[in-house]
């Protein structure tokens, strides 16, 4: 998963502090990792299940993605749940 390995891994290697108790830090890490995932050349090949998870956790949050990017990358997942 590029989101975890490349996104969060690069932040960790760069020494960017992380504290899940601090919402500003948590969402900043999530935003950077989500952007790396959706702008990857592999995005079209990502499974629907993972896209749904990513949308539910990060993609639906306005701070992480503006509305135009949410619709571009996650439009069909907005309000749609995979069992």
N, C-alpha and C. Protein backbone atom coordinates (compact mmCIF):
# COMPACT_ATOMS: atom_id res chain seq x y z
N UNK A 1 0.83 -1.17 0.00
CA UNK A 1 0.00 0.00 0.00
C UNK A 1 0.88 1.24 0.00
N UNK A 2 0.80 1.94 -1.08
CA UNK A 2 1.60 3.14 -1.26
C UNK A 2 1.30 4.18 -0.18
N UNK A 3 0.05 4.27 0.21
CA UNK A 3 -0.35 5.25 1.24
C UNK A 3 0.48 5.06 2.51
N UNK A 4 0.61 3.81 2.94
CA UNK A 4 1.34 3.53 4.18
C UNK A 4 2.85 3.60 3.98
N UNK A 5 3.35 2.88 2.98
CA UNK A 5 4.80 2.74 2.80
C UNK A 5 5.43 4.03 2.28
N UNK A 6 4.91 4.55 1.19
CA UNK A 6 5.51 5.75 0.59
C UNK A 6 5.10 7.00 1.35
N UNK A 7 3.81 7.14 1.60
CA UNK A 7 3.33 8.35 2.27
C UNK A 7 3.84 8.49 3.69
N UNK A 8 3.41 7.59 4.56
CA UNK A 8 3.81 7.67 5.96
C UNK A 8 5.29 7.32 6.14
N UNK A 9 5.79 6.39 5.36
CA UNK A 9 7.20 6.00 5.46
C UNK A 9 8.14 7.15 5.15
N UNK A 10 7.84 7.91 4.10
CA UNK A 10 8.68 9.06 3.76
C UNK A 10 8.63 10.12 4.84
N UNK A 11 7.45 10.34 5.42
CA UNK A 11 7.36 11.32 6.51
C UNK A 11 8.21 10.87 7.69
N UNK A 12 8.13 9.59 8.02
CA UNK A 12 8.90 9.06 9.15
C UNK A 12 10.40 9.18 8.88
N UNK A 13 10.82 8.80 7.66
CA UNK A 13 12.25 8.89 7.31
C UNK A 13 12.75 10.34 7.30
N UNK A 14 11.86 11.26 6.96
CA UNK A 14 12.23 12.68 6.94
C UNK A 14 12.24 13.29 8.34
N UNK A 15 11.82 12.50 9.32
CA UNK A 15 11.82 12.99 10.69
C UNK A 15 10.65 13.91 11.02
N UNK A 16 9.59 13.84 10.22
CA UNK A 16 8.41 14.66 10.50
C UNK A 16 7.69 14.06 11.70
N UNK A 17 7.51 14.83 12.76
CA UNK A 17 6.91 14.27 13.98
C UNK A 17 5.46 13.83 13.76
N UNK A 18 5.09 12.77 14.43
CA UNK A 18 3.72 12.24 14.36
C UNK A 18 3.19 12.05 15.77
N UNK A 19 1.98 12.50 15.99
CA UNK A 19 1.32 12.30 17.28
C UNK A 19 -0.16 12.14 17.00
N UNK A 20 -0.66 10.92 17.14
CA UNK A 20 -2.06 10.68 16.81
C UNK A 20 -3.01 11.35 17.80
N UNK A 21 -2.49 11.84 18.92
CA UNK A 21 -3.32 12.59 19.87
C UNK A 21 -3.54 14.03 19.41
N UNK A 22 -2.70 14.49 18.50
CA UNK A 22 -2.80 15.85 17.97
C UNK A 22 -3.48 15.78 16.61
N UNK A 23 -4.71 16.26 16.52
CA UNK A 23 -5.46 16.11 15.27
C UNK A 23 -4.80 16.83 14.10
N UNK A 24 -4.14 17.96 14.34
CA UNK A 24 -3.47 18.68 13.26
C UNK A 24 -2.36 17.82 12.65
N UNK A 25 -1.56 17.19 13.49
CA UNK A 25 -0.48 16.32 13.02
C UNK A 25 -1.04 15.10 12.31
N UNK A 26 -2.06 14.47 12.90
CA UNK A 26 -2.67 13.28 12.32
C UNK A 26 -3.17 13.56 10.91
N UNK A 27 -3.94 14.64 10.74
CA UNK A 27 -4.51 14.94 9.43
C UNK A 27 -3.46 15.42 8.44
N UNK A 28 -2.41 16.08 8.90
CA UNK A 28 -1.33 16.49 7.99
C UNK A 28 -0.64 15.26 7.41
N UNK A 29 -0.39 14.26 8.25
CA UNK A 29 0.21 13.01 7.76
C UNK A 29 -0.74 12.32 6.78
N UNK A 30 -2.01 12.26 7.13
CA UNK A 30 -3.00 11.63 6.26
C UNK A 30 -3.13 12.34 4.93
N UNK A 31 -3.08 13.65 4.95
CA UNK A 31 -3.19 14.43 3.72
C UNK A 31 -2.02 14.15 2.78
N UNK A 32 -0.81 14.18 3.31
CA UNK A 32 0.37 13.93 2.46
C UNK A 32 0.33 12.51 1.89
N UNK A 33 0.00 11.54 2.71
CA UNK A 33 -0.03 10.15 2.25
C UNK A 33 -1.13 9.92 1.22
N UNK A 34 -2.29 10.52 1.44
CA UNK A 34 -3.40 10.37 0.50
C UNK A 34 -3.06 10.98 -0.85
N UNK A 35 -2.44 12.15 -0.83
CA UNK A 35 -2.04 12.79 -2.09
C UNK A 35 -1.02 11.94 -2.85
N UNK A 36 -0.09 11.33 -2.14
CA UNK A 36 0.88 10.46 -2.81
C UNK A 36 0.18 9.25 -3.43
N UNK A 37 -0.82 8.73 -2.76
CA UNK A 37 -1.56 7.57 -3.27
C UNK A 37 -2.35 7.92 -4.52
N UNK A 38 -3.16 8.96 -4.47
CA UNK A 38 -4.04 9.26 -5.60
C UNK A 38 -3.30 9.82 -6.80
N UNK A 39 -2.13 10.39 -6.60
CA UNK A 39 -1.36 10.92 -7.72
C UNK A 39 -0.34 9.91 -8.26
N UNK A 40 -0.39 8.72 -7.74
CA UNK A 40 0.50 7.65 -8.21
C UNK A 40 0.01 7.12 -9.56
N UNK A 41 0.92 6.66 -10.38
CA UNK A 41 0.52 6.07 -11.67
C UNK A 41 -0.25 4.77 -11.47
N UNK A 42 -0.20 4.22 -10.26
CA UNK A 42 -0.89 2.97 -9.98
C UNK A 42 -2.33 3.17 -9.50
N UNK A 43 -2.76 4.41 -9.30
CA UNK A 43 -4.09 4.67 -8.77
C UNK A 43 -5.19 3.93 -9.54
N UNK A 44 -5.18 3.91 -10.87
CA UNK A 44 -6.25 3.20 -11.59
C UNK A 44 -6.30 1.70 -11.29
N UNK A 45 -5.20 1.13 -10.83
CA UNK A 45 -5.15 -0.31 -10.57
C UNK A 45 -5.46 -0.67 -9.12
N UNK A 46 -5.65 0.32 -8.27
CA UNK A 46 -5.95 0.08 -6.86
C UNK A 46 -7.33 -0.56 -6.74
N UNK A 47 -7.47 -1.52 -5.84
CA UNK A 47 -8.75 -2.22 -5.68
C UNK A 47 -9.85 -1.28 -5.18
N UNK A 48 -11.08 -1.61 -5.55
CA UNK A 48 -12.23 -0.83 -5.09
C UNK A 48 -12.34 -0.85 -3.58
N UNK A 49 -12.03 -1.98 -2.97
CA UNK A 49 -12.10 -2.08 -1.51
C UNK A 49 -11.15 -1.12 -0.83
N UNK A 50 -9.92 -1.01 -1.34
CA UNK A 50 -8.96 -0.09 -0.74
C UNK A 50 -9.37 1.35 -1.00
N UNK A 51 -9.88 1.64 -2.21
CA UNK A 51 -10.33 3.00 -2.50
C UNK A 51 -11.47 3.40 -1.57
N UNK A 52 -12.38 2.46 -1.31
CA UNK A 52 -13.49 2.75 -0.40
C UNK A 52 -12.94 3.05 1.00
N UNK A 53 -12.00 2.23 1.47
CA UNK A 53 -11.40 2.45 2.79
C UNK A 53 -10.71 3.81 2.85
N UNK A 54 -9.92 4.12 1.81
CA UNK A 54 -9.19 5.39 1.78
C UNK A 54 -10.16 6.57 1.78
N UNK A 55 -11.24 6.43 1.04
CA UNK A 55 -12.26 7.49 1.03
C UNK A 55 -12.88 7.64 2.41
N UNK A 56 -13.27 6.52 3.01
CA UNK A 56 -13.93 6.58 4.32
C UNK A 56 -13.05 7.22 5.38
N UNK A 57 -11.77 6.91 5.36
CA UNK A 57 -10.86 7.41 6.40
C UNK A 57 -10.34 8.82 6.09
N UNK A 58 -9.91 9.05 4.86
CA UNK A 58 -9.26 10.32 4.52
C UNK A 58 -9.97 11.12 3.43
N UNK A 59 -10.43 10.45 2.39
CA UNK A 59 -10.96 11.15 1.22
C UNK A 59 -12.19 11.98 1.48
N UNK A 60 -12.98 11.61 2.46
CA UNK A 60 -14.21 12.34 2.75
C UNK A 60 -13.98 13.57 3.64
N UNK A 61 -12.75 13.77 4.07
CA UNK A 61 -12.43 14.88 4.97
C UNK A 61 -12.03 16.11 4.14
N UNK A 62 -12.76 17.22 4.27
CA UNK A 62 -12.46 18.40 3.45
C UNK A 62 -11.03 18.90 3.57
N UNK A 63 -10.41 18.77 4.75
CA UNK A 63 -9.03 19.23 4.92
C UNK A 63 -8.07 18.43 4.05
N UNK A 64 -8.34 17.15 3.88
CA UNK A 64 -7.44 16.28 3.13
C UNK A 64 -7.57 16.51 1.63
N UNK A 65 -8.81 16.57 1.14
CA UNK A 65 -9.04 16.78 -0.29
C UNK A 65 -10.15 17.80 -0.51
N UNK A 66 -9.92 18.79 -1.37
CA UNK A 66 -11.00 19.71 -1.72
C UNK A 66 -12.07 18.95 -2.53
N UNK A 67 -13.25 19.51 -2.60
CA UNK A 67 -14.38 18.83 -3.23
C UNK A 67 -14.10 18.39 -4.66
N UNK A 68 -13.41 19.20 -5.45
CA UNK A 68 -13.15 18.81 -6.84
C UNK A 68 -12.26 17.57 -6.92
N UNK A 69 -11.28 17.44 -6.02
CA UNK A 69 -10.45 16.24 -6.03
C UNK A 69 -11.19 15.04 -5.45
N UNK A 70 -12.06 15.28 -4.46
CA UNK A 70 -12.86 14.16 -3.93
C UNK A 70 -13.71 13.57 -5.04
N UNK A 71 -14.33 14.43 -5.85
CA UNK A 71 -15.19 13.93 -6.93
C UNK A 71 -14.34 13.27 -8.02
N UNK A 72 -13.18 13.82 -8.31
CA UNK A 72 -12.32 13.27 -9.36
C UNK A 72 -11.81 11.89 -9.00
N UNK A 73 -11.35 11.71 -7.77
CA UNK A 73 -10.72 10.45 -7.39
C UNK A 73 -11.65 9.49 -6.65
N UNK A 74 -12.69 10.02 -6.00
CA UNK A 74 -13.55 9.18 -5.17
C UNK A 74 -15.03 9.36 -5.46
N UNK A 75 -15.40 9.97 -6.57
CA UNK A 75 -16.80 10.29 -6.84
C UNK A 75 -17.77 9.15 -6.61
N UNK A 76 -17.45 7.97 -7.09
CA UNK A 76 -18.40 6.86 -6.95
C UNK A 76 -18.43 6.28 -5.54
N UNK A 77 -17.48 6.65 -4.69
CA UNK A 77 -17.45 6.12 -3.33
C UNK A 77 -18.17 7.02 -2.34
N UNK A 78 -18.54 8.21 -2.77
CA UNK A 78 -19.23 9.14 -1.89
C UNK A 78 -20.64 8.62 -1.61
N UNK A 79 -20.83 8.13 -0.40
CA UNK A 79 -22.13 7.59 -0.03
C UNK A 79 -22.34 6.15 -0.45
N UNK A 80 -21.35 5.53 -1.06
CA UNK A 80 -21.45 4.15 -1.54
C UNK A 80 -20.58 3.26 -0.68
N UNK A 81 -21.14 2.21 -0.17
CA UNK A 81 -20.38 1.29 0.69
C UNK A 81 -20.23 -0.06 0.01
N UNK A 82 -19.04 -0.63 0.14
CA UNK A 82 -18.77 -1.98 -0.36
C UNK A 82 -18.92 -2.92 0.82
N UNK A 83 -19.68 -3.98 0.65
CA UNK A 83 -19.86 -4.96 1.74
C UNK A 83 -18.63 -5.81 1.91
